[in-house]
Structure formats: structure tokens, C-alpha cells
Amino acid sequence: MSGKQLRIIGDLINNAYARARNAFTARDLAGYQHLALMQTELGAEFLDVNVDGTRQIQVKLEEMLAFLPEVIPAIQEVTAAPLCIDNPSVEYHKVALAHYDRNRSGAPILNSLAASRERLEEMIELVAAYDTLVIVMASERFVSGGTAQCLHPRDVHTAAKQFVERLVTRAGRTCDQILIDPGLAPVGADTYGLVNIGLDAMRLIRQDPDLQGVHLTVGLSNFSWGVPKEIRKDLEKSYLALGVKAGLDFAIANPEKATAPLPADHAMVEQLRHALQQGRATEGESQEMAGFRQAEAVMEIWKNAEADDF
């Protein structure tokens, strides 16, 4: 795997999207095959497979486990793109990996490990047993008595480093087989500086010689959640411009949105950069105050978009 350019993990096989929900409701394997082919033709190198429930549809674990032996081979029939198996359930991964044809598609991605995962050690054992790549959610960290959200770039860096060490020693992974997700908050509701924390954490990870070779990824659609539909695509591509500069080399994204980053000097990139800078607390200032200033600057982006043609 190379980290020299942005690589896309197509995210359309997910019940958050209407086409995937319709395919799941009808157990329409041809519908899933269409989504898989379309994404690879648009440049997705991996395909995320998540048939879990969302706010729009309830899905029981038993339903997923019954469907995975059908849908995994059906997708692999039409594309050789490796699959990214996406679910917090150990049982989901066991079934999906058992029906995945590695000879056809190469190593799959297990998505994902996190400090809060139940049966975490079993997940790590699956990574070793099936020789997978793996996504680590580094936005959570271990604390005494449990887990906590990372609220500082150093926390994300520490969480990433701890997981990499575990995966190297317990699952025989190399850094090149590990994708770190520092977390990506919806920018329209980010009053805690979470977007900046993720970007700063990427920079720390890229500067750490012990983490040389790891990959960095985010769930891109989270970023534009709640903003006007008309600017979501360019806003996501603006984030990619900042993320790639910070070291991002993967994104779980909708390939229909033309996922190449915007040029660094594009007007929306400059406005996003300015808005995020407003979210950095000055000396003696609370993060909450800076966060509200950032929110106001983000709102200015879509006000300007109404007046200008991006």
C-alpha cells in the first residue's frame, strides 16, 4: 500500500443511503452489485460494507448475520476491489471474513477497533487470523476504569500509538497495514474544536518516527452533516485539501462526489482554513467561546456560497 495519494474507500453500501436501504429491504443482490461496480468505476479502491441499521431502518444482528454469506460473495463476483468490513460486532466480522474470498480480492480491511469496543481482544485475534488490514478509531482512549473521548491532539496520538503497538505485538501487523482514524466531527456543529484536534493529531502522527508508514483516514461524509446540500461536496473537498496537507491519505467517502481535494488556493478552502483558525482559543479564552466564533465563520461560508458561484 502506498500513502503518496488520496485513496478512496467507497461508502455507498451503507443503509444511511436510500439505494442501499432499498437493496437491503429487498435482499437485492443485483442492487448491491450495481453499487459496487459503480463505485469502483468512479475510482474507489476499496468498498465499505455495512448492512447495519440507521435512523431510517432497524436491522437486527441476526438479519445481518444471515445476509452476509450472500452479499459478500455477490459483491466479489463483480469486482476485485478489497472489501472494508464495517461493524462494531465481533460476530459480524467473523461471518463476513469467513465468506470473503481473499484469493480474488486480496486483504480485506477490518473496520474498526476502538477503545470502547466490546470483545476488543477477539477483534484483534480476527485481524491476525485473517491477516487483514485494520482501521483504528483513535478518537477514543483508555482511561482508568473505562474509556473517554480524546479532547486534545496528544490524546489522539497516544491512542494511535497504543493501538499500533498492540497490533504489531499481538496481531503481527506492520504500520503499513494499519489505518488510523483520528475522528472527524460535523463542522457545522463543532464548537469544541474537534476538527482542529483531528488535523493537529494527524500532524503529530506524521512526525512520529515510531508510526512511520501508518495510514490516516476519516469518514468524510460526517464533515458536512447538517450544512446546506448545495455546498456539501465542495466543503468536503475543501476539508480534503487541508487533510491531505496534514498527512491524510485515505478517506471513506462517496465517490460520486468527485473526491479529489480542491486546490489549496480555492476560495472555499481559504474560508474553511480561516473558520478553523477562528476555532483556536487564544490565551485566557475558553474553547467554547472560540468554538462559537468558528461556528459563525462556518456559517459565513455558506452565506458567501449563496452570493458567489464556487
C-alpha atoms as a PDB file:
ATOM      1  CA  MET A   1       0.000   0.000   0.000  1.00  0.00           C
ATOM      2  CA  SER A   2       1.235   3.459  -0.848  1.00  0.00           C
ATOM      3  CA  GLY A   3       0.486   6.617   1.095  1.00  0.00           C
ATOM      4  CA  LYS A   4       1.501   9.003  -1.693  1.00  0.00           C
ATOM      5  CA  GLN A   5      -2.010   9.887  -2.871  1.00  0.00           C
ATOM      6  CA  LEU A   6      -5.538  10.022  -1.525  1.00  0.00           C
ATOM      7  CA  ARG A   7      -7.242   6.655  -1.804  1.00  0.00           C
ATOM      8  CA  ILE A   8     -10.996   6.242  -1.556  1.00  0.00           C
ATOM      9  CA  ILE A   9     -12.948   3.609   0.341  1.00  0.00           C
ATOM     10  CA  GLY A  10     -16.394   3.807  -1.249  1.00  0.00           C
ATOM     11  CA  ASP A  11     -19.115   4.149   1.385  1.00  0.00           C
ATOM     12  CA  LEU A  12     -22.377   3.673  -0.559  1.00  0.00           C
ATOM     13  CA  ILE A  13     -23.057   0.128   0.677  1.00  0.00           C
ATOM     14  CA  ASN A  14     -24.487   1.547   3.866  1.00  0.00           C
ATOM     15  CA  ASN A  15     -28.116   1.825   4.948  1.00  0.00           C
ATOM     16  CA  ALA A  16     -27.650   5.540   5.513  1.00  0.00           C
ATOM     17  CA  TYR A  17     -28.136   5.783   1.733  1.00  0.00           C
ATOM     18  CA  ALA A  18     -31.568   5.127   0.196  1.00  0.00           C
ATOM     19  CA  ARG A  19     -30.237   2.877  -2.585  1.00  0.00           C
ATOM     20  CA  ALA A  20     -28.555   0.603  -0.070  1.00  0.00           C
ATOM     21  CA  ARG A  21     -31.624   0.580   2.186  1.00  0.00           C
ATOM     22  CA  ASN A  22     -33.803  -0.431  -0.754  1.00  0.00           C
ATOM     23  CA  ALA A  23     -31.371  -3.183  -1.700  1.00  0.00           C
ATOM     24  CA  PHE A  24     -31.254  -4.483   1.861  1.00  0.00           C
ATOM     25  CA  THR A  25     -35.039  -4.410   2.305  1.00  0.00           C
ATOM     26  CA  ALA A  26     -35.474  -6.460  -0.882  1.00  0.00           C
ATOM     27  CA  ARG A  27     -32.311  -8.513  -0.269  1.00  0.00           C
ATOM     28  CA  ASP A  28     -31.494  -7.400  -3.805  1.00  0.00           C
ATOM     29  CA  LEU A  29     -28.029  -8.777  -4.581  1.00  0.00           C
ATOM     30  CA  ALA A  30     -28.066  -7.202  -8.049  1.00  0.00           C
ATOM     31  CA  GLY A  31     -28.653  -3.836  -6.397  1.00  0.00           C
ATOM     32  CA  TYR A  32     -25.552  -4.305  -4.254  1.00  0.00           C
ATOM     33  CA  GLN A  33     -23.568  -5.408  -7.280  1.00  0.00           C
ATOM     34  CA  HIS A  34     -24.607  -2.232  -9.094  1.00  0.00           C
ATOM     35  CA  LEU A  35     -23.448  -0.082  -6.175  1.00  0.00           C
ATOM     36  CA  ALA A  36     -20.146  -1.950  -6.043  1.00  0.00           C
ATOM     37  CA  LEU A  37     -19.443  -1.655  -9.760  1.00  0.00           C
ATOM     38  CA  MET A  38     -20.435   1.985  -9.927  1.00  0.00           C
ATOM     39  CA  GLN A  39     -18.098   2.928  -7.085  1.00  0.00           C
ATOM     40  CA  THR A  40     -15.104   1.082  -8.498  1.00  0.00           C
ATOM     41  CA  GLU A  41     -15.696   2.622 -11.916  1.00  0.00           C
ATOM     42  CA  LEU A  42     -15.576   6.039 -10.203  1.00  0.00           C
ATOM     43  CA  GLY A  43     -12.196   5.227  -8.667  1.00  0.00           C
ATOM     44  CA  ALA A  44     -12.927   3.663  -5.278  1.00  0.00           C
ATOM     45  CA  GLU A  45     -10.096   1.241  -4.464  1.00  0.00           C
ATOM     46  CA  PHE A  46     -11.909  -0.411  -1.540  1.00  0.00           C
ATOM     47  CA  LEU A  47     -15.610  -0.888  -0.784  1.00  0.00           C
ATOM     48  CA  ASP A  48     -17.020  -0.392   2.687  1.00  0.00           C
ATOM     49  CA  VAL A  49     -19.735  -2.953   3.506  1.00  0.00           C
ATOM     50  CA  ASN A  50     -22.106  -2.005   6.317  1.00  0.00           C
ATOM     51  CA  VAL A  51     -25.598  -3.535   6.387  1.00  0.00           C
ATOM     52  CA  ASP A  52     -26.363  -2.350   9.925  1.00  0.00           C
ATOM     53  CA  GLY A  53     -29.353  -0.273  10.944  1.00  0.00           C
ATOM     54  CA  THR A  54     -29.545   3.513  10.833  1.00  0.00           C
ATOM     55  CA  ARG A  55     -32.061   6.122  11.920  1.00  0.00           C
ATOM     56  CA  GLN A  56     -34.017   5.274   8.770  1.00  0.00           C
ATOM     57  CA  ILE A  57     -34.114   1.493   9.169  1.00  0.00           C
ATOM     58  CA  GLN A  58     -33.896  -1.001  12.014  1.00  0.00           C
ATOM     59  CA  VAL A  59     -31.776  -4.096  11.398  1.00  0.00           C
ATOM     60  CA  LYS A  60     -31.253  -6.916  13.877  1.00  0.00           C
ATOM     61  CA  LEU A  61     -27.874  -8.585  14.231  1.00  0.00           C
ATOM     62  CA  GLU A  62     -29.462 -11.890  13.258  1.00  0.00           C
ATOM     63  CA  GLU A  63     -30.627 -10.360   9.968  1.00  0.00           C
ATOM     64  CA  MET A  64     -27.134  -9.136   9.176  1.00  0.00           C
ATOM     65  CA  LEU A  65     -25.508 -12.454  10.001  1.00  0.00           C
ATOM     66  CA  ALA A  66     -27.992 -14.277   7.765  1.00  0.00           C
ATOM     67  CA  PHE A  67     -27.412 -11.915   4.828  1.00  0.00           C
ATOM     68  CA  LEU A  68     -23.618 -11.586   4.900  1.00  0.00           C
ATOM     69  CA  PRO A  69     -22.965 -15.077   3.413  1.00  0.00           C
ATOM     70  CA  GLU A  70     -24.963 -13.972   0.371  1.00  0.00           C
ATOM     71  CA  VAL A  71     -23.956 -10.350  -0.085  1.00  0.00           C
ATOM     72  CA  ILE A  72     -20.182 -10.706   0.414  1.00  0.00           C
ATOM     73  CA  PRO A  73     -19.724 -13.252  -2.426  1.00  0.00           C
ATOM     74  CA  ALA A  74     -22.213 -11.361  -4.621  1.00  0.00           C
ATOM     75  CA  ILE A  75     -20.157  -8.174  -4.395  1.00  0.00           C
ATOM     76  CA  GLN A  76     -16.940 -10.072  -5.037  1.00  0.00           C
ATOM     77  CA  GLU A  77     -18.469 -11.631  -8.152  1.00  0.00           C
ATOM     78  CA  VAL A  78     -18.479  -8.265  -9.926  1.00  0.00           C
ATOM     79  CA  THR A  79     -15.368  -6.534  -8.595  1.00  0.00           C
ATOM     80  CA  ALA A  80     -11.928  -7.478  -7.328  1.00  0.00           C
ATOM     81  CA  ALA A  81     -11.788  -4.409  -5.062  1.00  0.00           C
ATOM     82  CA  PRO A  82     -10.998  -5.435  -1.479  1.00  0.00           C
ATOM     83  CA  LEU A  83     -13.853  -5.028   0.986  1.00  0.00           C
ATOM     84  CA  CYS A  84     -13.802  -2.957   4.150  1.00  0.00           C
ATOM     85  CA  ILE A  85     -15.906  -4.903   6.665  1.00  0.00           C
ATOM     86  CA  ASP A  86     -17.614  -2.244   8.766  1.00  0.00           C
ATOM     87  CA  ASN A  87     -19.340  -3.019  12.074  1.00  0.00           C
ATOM     88  CA  PRO A  88     -18.615  -2.941  15.823  1.00  0.00           C
ATOM     89  CA  SER A  89     -19.817  -6.567  16.252  1.00  0.00           C
ATOM     90  CA  VAL A  90     -17.295  -9.389  16.515  1.00  0.00           C
ATOM     91  CA  GLU A  91     -19.889 -11.826  15.166  1.00  0.00           C
ATOM     92  CA  TYR A  92     -20.445  -9.648  12.093  1.00  0.00           C
ATOM     93  CA  HIS A  93     -16.736  -9.762  11.291  1.00  0.00           C
ATOM     94  CA  LYS A  94     -16.489 -13.485  11.920  1.00  0.00           C
ATOM     95  CA  VAL A  95     -19.234 -14.241   9.414  1.00  0.00           C
ATOM     96  CA  ALA A  96     -18.139 -11.682   6.823  1.00  0.00           C
ATOM     97  CA  LEU A  97     -14.497 -12.764   6.892  1.00  0.00           C
ATOM     98  CA  ALA A  98     -15.432 -16.446   6.714  1.00  0.00           C
ATOM     99  CA  HIS A  99     -17.246 -15.778   3.428  1.00  0.00           C
ATOM    100  CA  TYR A 100     -14.665 -13.379   1.963  1.00  0.00           C
ATOM    101  CA  ASP A 101     -12.564 -14.711  -0.916  1.00  0.00           C
ATOM    102  CA  ARG A 102      -9.069 -13.409  -0.300  1.00  0.00           C
ATOM    103  CA  ASN A 103      -7.755 -15.093  -3.437  1.00  0.00           C
ATOM    104  CA  ARG A 104      -9.991 -12.857  -5.534  1.00  0.00           C
ATOM    105  CA  SER A 105      -9.646  -9.514  -3.785  1.00  0.00           C
ATOM    106  CA  GLY A 106      -6.587  -9.559  -1.562  1.00  0.00           C
ATOM    107  CA  ALA A 107      -6.534  -8.494   2.067  1.00  0.00           C
ATOM    108  CA  PRO A 108      -9.778  -7.009   3.446  1.00  0.00           C
ATOM    109  CA  ILE A 109      -9.972  -4.169   5.948  1.00  0.00           C
ATOM    110  CA  LEU A 110     -11.471  -4.763   9.396  1.00  0.00           C
ATOM    111  CA  ASN A 111     -13.326  -1.583  10.342  1.00  0.00           C
ATOM    112  CA  SER A 112     -12.806  -0.894  13.179  1.00  0.00           C
ATOM    113  CA  LEU A 113     -11.032  -1.190  16.502  1.00  0.00           C
ATOM    114  CA  ALA A 114     -11.714   1.313  19.278  1.00  0.00           C
ATOM    115  CA  ALA A 115     -11.089   1.582  23.000  1.00  0.00           C
ATOM    116  CA  SER A 116     -14.807   1.189  23.711  1.00  0.00           C
ATOM    117  CA  ARG A 117     -15.316  -1.948  21.579  1.00  0.00           C
ATOM    118  CA  GLU A 118     -16.733  -4.937  23.388  1.00  0.00           C
ATOM    119  CA  ARG A 119     -14.614  -8.083  22.978  1.00  0.00           C
ATOM    120  CA  LEU A 120     -11.735  -5.988  21.659  1.00  0.00           C
ATOM    121  CA  GLU A 121      -9.192  -8.764  22.098  1.00  0.00           C
ATOM    122  CA  GLU A 122     -11.328 -11.063  19.929  1.00  0.00           C
ATOM    123  CA  MET A 123     -11.351  -8.394  17.228  1.00  0.00           C
ATOM    124  CA  ILE A 124      -7.563  -8.223  17.349  1.00  0.00           C
ATOM    125  CA  GLU A 125      -7.431 -12.020  17.101  1.00  0.00           C
ATOM    126  CA  LEU A 126      -9.546 -11.829  13.926  1.00  0.00           C
ATOM    127  CA  VAL A 127      -7.107  -9.320  12.436  1.00  0.00           C
ATOM    128  CA  ALA A 128      -4.304 -11.831  12.997  1.00  0.00           C
ATOM    129  CA  ALA A 129      -6.268 -14.933  11.959  1.00  0.00           C
ATOM    130  CA  TYR A 130      -7.475 -13.456   8.662  1.00  0.00           C
ATOM    131  CA  ASP A 131      -4.363 -11.351   8.024  1.00  0.00           C
ATOM    132  CA  THR A 132      -6.394  -8.168   7.483  1.00  0.00           C
ATOM    133  CA  LEU A 133      -5.680  -4.508   7.223  1.00  0.00           C
ATOM    134  CA  VAL A 134      -7.344  -2.660  10.090  1.00  0.00           C
ATOM    135  CA  ILE A 135      -8.866   0.731  10.877  1.00  0.00           C
ATOM    136  CA  VAL A 136      -8.305   2.103  14.377  1.00  0.00           C
ATOM    137  CA  MET A 137     -10.608   4.752  15.834  1.00  0.00           C
ATOM    138  CA  ALA A 138      -8.119   6.921  17.711  1.00  0.00           C
ATOM    139  CA  SER A 139     -10.730   9.450  18.834  1.00  0.00           C
ATOM    140  CA  GLU A 140     -11.248   7.288  21.950  1.00  0.00           C
ATOM    141  CA  ARG A 141      -8.661   6.446  24.588  1.00  0.00           C
ATOM    142  CA  PHE A 142      -8.271   4.128  27.521  1.00  0.00           C
ATOM    143  CA  VAL A 143      -8.581   5.741  30.956  1.00  0.00           C
ATOM    144  CA  SER A 144      -8.661   4.304  34.456  1.00  0.00           C
ATOM    145  CA  GLY A 145     -11.902   2.389  34.775  1.00  0.00           C
ATOM    146  CA  GLY A 146     -13.006   2.738  31.149  1.00  0.00           C
ATOM    147  CA  THR A 147     -12.671   4.907  28.072  1.00  0.00           C
ATOM    148  CA  ALA A 148     -13.014   8.582  27.179  1.00  0.00           C
ATOM    149  CA  GLN A 149     -13.194  10.793  24.118  1.00  0.00           C
ATOM    150  CA  CYS A 150      -9.918  12.360  23.066  1.00  0.00           C
ATOM    151  CA  LEU A 151     -10.115  16.122  23.540  1.00  0.00           C
ATOM    152  CA  HIS A 152      -6.519  17.005  22.690  1.00  0.00           C
ATOM    153  CA  PRO A 153      -4.292  16.089  19.718  1.00  0.00           C
ATOM    154  CA  ARG A 154      -1.795  14.460  22.102  1.00  0.00           C
ATOM    155  CA  ASP A 155      -4.544  12.131  23.337  1.00  0.00           C
ATOM    156  CA  VAL A 156      -5.310  11.015  19.773  1.00  0.00           C
ATOM    157  CA  HIS A 157      -1.613  10.500  19.092  1.00  0.00           C
ATOM    158  CA  THR A 158      -1.238   8.451  22.275  1.00  0.00           C
ATOM    159  CA  ALA A 159      -4.298   6.329  21.458  1.00  0.00           C
ATOM    160  CA  ALA A 160      -2.955   5.685  17.960  1.00  0.00           C
ATOM    161  CA  LYS A 161       0.445   4.725  19.281  1.00  0.00           C
ATOM    162  CA  GLN A 162      -1.004   2.333  21.873  1.00  0.00           C
ATOM    163  CA  PHE A 163      -3.136   0.570  19.264  1.00  0.00           C
ATOM    164  CA  VAL A 164      -0.288   0.303  16.779  1.00  0.00           C
ATOM    165  CA  GLU A 165       1.864  -1.307  19.457  1.00  0.00           C
ATOM    166  CA  ARG A 166      -0.927  -3.796  20.269  1.00  0.00           C
ATOM    167  CA  LEU A 167      -1.463  -4.664  16.629  1.00  0.00           C
ATOM    168  CA  VAL A 168       2.237  -5.118  15.960  1.00  0.00           C
ATOM    169  CA  THR A 169       2.844  -7.311  19.011  1.00  0.00           C
ATOM    170  CA  ARG A 170      -0.461  -9.236  19.203  1.00  0.00           C
ATOM    171  CA  ALA A 171      -1.587  -9.426  15.582  1.00  0.00           C
ATOM    172  CA  GLY A 172       1.693  -9.321  13.678  1.00  0.00           C
ATOM    173  CA  ARG A 173       0.721  -6.165  11.778  1.00  0.00           C
ATOM    174  CA  THR A 174       3.141  -3.720  10.230  1.00  0.00           C
ATOM    175  CA  CYS A 175       2.469   0.013  10.271  1.00  0.00           C
ATOM    176  CA  ASP A 176       1.605  -0.139   6.577  1.00  0.00           C
ATOM    177  CA  GLN A 177      -1.343  -2.431   7.401  1.00  0.00           C
ATOM    178  CA  ILE A 178      -2.897  -0.009   9.886  1.00  0.00           C
ATOM    179  CA  LEU A 179      -5.202   2.922   9.117  1.00  0.00           C
ATOM    180  CA  ILE A 180      -5.655   5.475  11.896  1.00  0.00           C
ATOM    181  CA  ASP A 181      -8.925   7.435  12.038  1.00  0.00           C
ATOM    182  CA  PRO A 182      -8.460  10.480  14.317  1.00  0.00           C
ATOM    183  CA  GLY A 183     -12.172  11.308  14.083  1.00  0.00           C
ATOM    184  CA  LEU A 184     -13.979  13.906  12.011  1.00  0.00           C
ATOM    185  CA  ALA A 185     -16.787  15.951  13.532  1.00  0.00           C
ATOM    186  CA  PRO A 186     -19.570  17.748  11.621  1.00  0.00           C
ATOM    187  CA  VAL A 187     -18.038  21.174  11.088  1.00  0.00           C
ATOM    188  CA  GLY A 188     -21.401  22.937  11.337  1.00  0.00           C
ATOM    189  CA  ALA A 189     -21.820  21.768  14.926  1.00  0.00           C
ATOM    190  CA  ASP A 190     -18.190  21.715  16.048  1.00  0.00           C
ATOM    191  CA  THR A 191     -17.996  24.082  18.995  1.00  0.00           C
ATOM    192  CA  TYR A 192     -15.326  22.011  20.786  1.00  0.00           C
ATOM    193  CA  GLY A 193     -12.520  22.317  18.245  1.00  0.00           C
ATOM    194  CA  LEU A 194     -12.779  18.656  17.252  1.00  0.00           C
ATOM    195  CA  VAL A 195     -11.918  19.235  13.582  1.00  0.00           C
ATOM    196  CA  ASN A 196      -8.736  21.038  14.586  1.00  0.00           C
ATOM    197  CA  ILE A 197      -7.915  18.280  17.076  1.00  0.00           C
ATOM    198  CA  GLY A 198      -8.094  15.711  14.272  1.00  0.00           C
ATOM    199  CA  LEU A 199      -5.918  17.726  11.903  1.00  0.00           C
ATOM    200  CA  ASP A 200      -3.358  18.504  14.598  1.00  0.00           C
ATOM    201  CA  ALA A 201      -3.287  14.833  15.617  1.00  0.00           C
ATOM    202  CA  MET A 202      -2.520  13.838  12.014  1.00  0.00           C
ATOM    203  CA  ARG A 203       0.470  16.163  12.060  1.00  0.00           C
ATOM    204  CA  LEU A 204       1.729  14.645  15.329  1.00  0.00           C
ATOM    205  CA  ILE A 205       1.332  11.127  13.956  1.00  0.00           C
ATOM    206  CA  ARG A 206       3.203  12.024  10.767  1.00  0.00           C
ATOM    207  CA  GLN A 207       6.062  13.473  12.859  1.00  0.00           C
ATOM    208  CA  ASP A 208       6.431  10.331  15.000  1.00  0.00           C
ATOM    209  CA  PRO A 209       9.157   8.007  13.657  1.00  0.00           C
ATOM    210  CA  ASP A 210       7.591   5.073  15.521  1.00  0.00           C
ATOM    211  CA  LEU A 211       4.440   5.490  13.409  1.00  0.00           C
ATOM    212  CA  GLN A 212       6.166   5.824  10.059  1.00  0.00           C
ATOM    213  CA  GLY A 213       4.150   4.039   7.391  1.00  0.00           C
ATOM    214  CA  VAL A 214       0.729   4.105   9.069  1.00  0.00           C
ATOM    215  CA  HIS A 215      -2.159   5.438   7.009  1.00  0.00           C
ATOM    216  CA  LEU A 216      -4.623   8.133   8.027  1.00  0.00           C
ATOM    217  CA  THR A 217      -8.311   8.030   7.160  1.00  0.00           C
ATOM    218  CA  VAL A 218     -11.591   9.772   8.027  1.00  0.00           C
ATOM    219  CA  GLY A 219     -15.296   9.239   7.410  1.00  0.00           C
ATOM    220  CA  LEU A 220     -15.698  12.192   5.071  1.00  0.00           C
ATOM    221  CA  SER A 221     -19.494  12.423   4.951  1.00  0.00           C
ATOM    222  CA  ASN A 222     -19.552  13.260   8.678  1.00  0.00           C
ATOM    223  CA  PHE A 223     -17.881  16.581   7.954  1.00  0.00           C
ATOM    224  CA  SER A 224     -20.708  18.217   6.003  1.00  0.00           C
ATOM    225  CA  TRP A 225     -23.594  16.768   8.003  1.00  0.00           C
ATOM    226  CA  GLY A 226     -26.208  19.448   8.647  1.00  0.00           C
ATOM    227  CA  VAL A 227     -24.926  22.038   6.162  1.00  0.00           C
ATOM    228  CA  PRO A 228     -26.909  23.088   3.050  1.00  0.00           C
ATOM    229  CA  LYS A 229     -26.889  20.371   0.419  1.00  0.00           C
ATOM    230  CA  GLU A 230     -25.646  22.763  -2.272  1.00  0.00           C
ATOM    231  CA  ILE A 231     -22.224  23.204  -0.677  1.00  0.00           C
ATOM    232  CA  ARG A 232     -21.601  19.791   0.901  1.00  0.00           C
ATOM    233  CA  LYS A 233     -19.473  18.461  -1.945  1.00  0.00           C
ATOM    234  CA  ASP A 234     -17.144  21.465  -2.133  1.00  0.00           C
ATOM    235  CA  LEU A 235     -16.984  21.722   1.648  1.00  0.00           C
ATOM    236  CA  GLU A 236     -15.880  18.089   1.897  1.00  0.00           C
ATOM    237  CA  LYS A 237     -13.327  18.626  -0.872  1.00  0.00           C
ATOM    238  CA  SER A 238     -12.081  21.709   0.986  1.00  0.00           C
ATOM    239  CA  TYR A 239     -11.531  19.594   4.080  1.00  0.00           C
ATOM    240  CA  LEU A 240      -9.634  17.080   1.951  1.00  0.00           C
ATOM    241  CA  ALA A 241      -7.293  19.854   0.835  1.00  0.00           C
ATOM    242  CA  LEU A 242      -6.448  20.598   4.482  1.00  0.00           C
ATOM    243  CA  GLY A 243      -6.403  16.933   5.468  1.00  0.00           C
ATOM    244  CA  VAL A 244      -4.026  15.830   2.713  1.00  0.00           C
ATOM    245  CA  LYS A 245      -1.640  18.599   3.677  1.00  0.00           C
ATOM    246  CA  ALA A 246      -1.743  17.284   7.269  1.00  0.00           C
ATOM    247  CA  GLY A 247      -0.995  13.730   6.115  1.00  0.00           C
ATOM    248  CA  LEU A 248      -4.381  12.213   5.221  1.00  0.00           C
ATOM    249  CA  ASP A 249      -4.035   9.503   2.559  1.00  0.00           C
ATOM    250  CA  PHE A 250      -7.351   7.604   2.772  1.00  0.00           C
ATOM    251  CA  ALA A 251     -10.992   8.675   3.026  1.00  0.00           C
ATOM    252  CA  ILE A 252     -14.190   6.696   3.453  1.00  0.00           C
ATOM    253  CA  ALA A 253     -16.330   8.667   1.043  1.00  0.00           C
ATOM    254  CA  ASN A 254     -18.986   8.743  -1.649  1.00  0.00           C
ATOM    255  CA  PRO A 255     -17.046   8.502  -4.937  1.00  0.00           C
ATOM    256  CA  GLU A 256     -19.950  10.119  -6.793  1.00  0.00           C
ATOM    257  CA  LYS A 257     -18.907  13.423  -5.250  1.00  0.00           C
ATOM    258  CA  ALA A 258     -15.622  13.688  -7.199  1.00  0.00           C
ATOM    259  CA  THR A 259     -13.431  13.247  -4.159  1.00  0.00           C
ATOM    260  CA  ALA A 260     -10.232  14.957  -5.319  1.00  0.00           C
ATOM    261  CA  PRO A 261      -9.232  17.785  -2.956  1.00  0.00           C
ATOM    262  CA  LEU A 262      -9.863  21.342  -4.104  1.00  0.00           C
ATOM    263  CA  PRO A 263      -6.768  23.443  -4.886  1.00  0.00           C
ATOM    264  CA  ALA A 264      -5.170  24.930  -1.784  1.00  0.00           C
ATOM    265  CA  ASP A 265      -5.877  28.479  -3.005  1.00  0.00           C
ATOM    266  CA  HIS A 266      -9.567  27.823  -3.800  1.00  0.00           C
ATOM    267  CA  ALA A 267     -11.874  30.377  -2.167  1.00  0.00           C
ATOM    268  CA  MET A 268     -13.768  27.805  -0.105  1.00  0.00           C
ATOM    269  CA  VAL A 269     -10.551  26.183   1.111  1.00  0.00           C
ATOM    270  CA  GLU A 270      -9.281  29.563   2.247  1.00  0.00           C
ATOM    271  CA  GLN A 271     -12.574  30.296   4.009  1.00  0.00           C
ATOM    272  CA  LEU A 272     -12.571  26.914   5.746  1.00  0.00           C
ATOM    273  CA  ARG A 273      -8.979  27.400   6.832  1.00  0.00           C
ATOM    274  CA  HIS A 274      -9.944  30.809   8.243  1.00  0.00           C
ATOM    275  CA  ALA A 275     -13.000  29.386  10.043  1.00  0.00           C
ATOM    276  CA  LEU A 276     -10.972  26.643  11.698  1.00  0.00           C
ATOM    277  CA  GLN A 277      -8.368  29.181  12.788  1.00  0.00           C
ATOM    278  CA  GLN A 278     -11.180  31.096  14.488  1.00  0.00           C
ATOM    279  CA  GLY A 279     -11.858  27.931  16.484  1.00  0.00           C
ATOM    280  CA  ARG A 280      -8.483  28.044  18.198  1.00  0.00           C
ATOM    281  CA  ALA A 281      -8.770  29.531  21.660  1.00  0.00           C
ATOM    282  CA  THR A 282      -6.487  32.452  22.431  1.00  0.00           C
ATOM    283  CA  GLU A 283      -4.771  32.909  25.788  1.00  0.00           C
ATOM    284  CA  GLY A 284      -7.325  33.244  28.550  1.00  0.00           C
ATOM    285  CA  GLU A 285     -10.215  32.328  26.260  1.00  0.00           C
ATOM    286  CA  SER A 286     -12.464  29.300  26.698  1.00  0.00           C
ATOM    287  CA  GLN A 287     -12.710  26.698  23.947  1.00  0.00           C
ATOM    288  CA  GLU A 288     -16.462  27.257  23.994  1.00  0.00           C
ATOM    289  CA  MET A 289     -16.018  30.918  23.057  1.00  0.00           C
ATOM    290  CA  ALA A 290     -13.608  30.005  20.253  1.00  0.00           C
ATOM    291  CA  GLY A 291     -15.983  27.284  19.118  1.00  0.00           C
ATOM    292  CA  PHE A 292     -18.877  29.684  18.718  1.00  0.00           C
ATOM    293  CA  ARG A 293     -16.598  32.040  16.787  1.00  0.00           C
ATOM    294  CA  GLN A 294     -15.699  29.138  14.491  1.00  0.00           C
ATOM    295  CA  ALA A 295     -19.396  28.288  14.043  1.00  0.00           C
ATOM    296  CA  GLU A 296     -20.133  31.846  12.960  1.00  0.00           C
ATOM    297  CA  ALA A 297     -17.258  31.735  10.458  1.00  0.00           C
ATOM    298  CA  VAL A 298     -18.504  28.411   9.067  1.00  0.00           C
ATOM    299  CA  MET A 299     -21.960  29.916   8.575  1.00  0.00           C
ATOM    300  CA  GLU A 300     -20.339  32.710   6.606  1.00  0.00           C
ATOM    301  CA  ILE A 301     -19.036  30.095   4.149  1.00  0.00           C
ATOM    302  CA  TRP A 302     -22.490  29.088   3.023  1.00  0.00           C
ATOM    303  CA  LYS A 303     -23.757  32.668   3.114  1.00  0.00           C
ATOM    304  CA  ASN A 304     -20.944  33.546   0.720  1.00  0.00           C
ATOM    305  CA  ALA A 305     -21.768  30.476  -1.369  1.00  0.00           C
ATOM    306  CA  GLU A 306     -25.267  31.841  -1.929  1.00  0.00           C
ATOM    307  CA  ALA A 307     -23.787  35.045  -3.315  1.00  0.00           C
ATOM    308  CA  ASP A 308     -20.839  33.584  -5.208  1.00  0.00           C
ATOM    309  CA  ASP A 309     -20.501  30.742  -7.669  1.00  0.00           C
ATOM    310  CA  PHE A 310     -17.942  28.322  -6.239  1.00  0.00           C
END
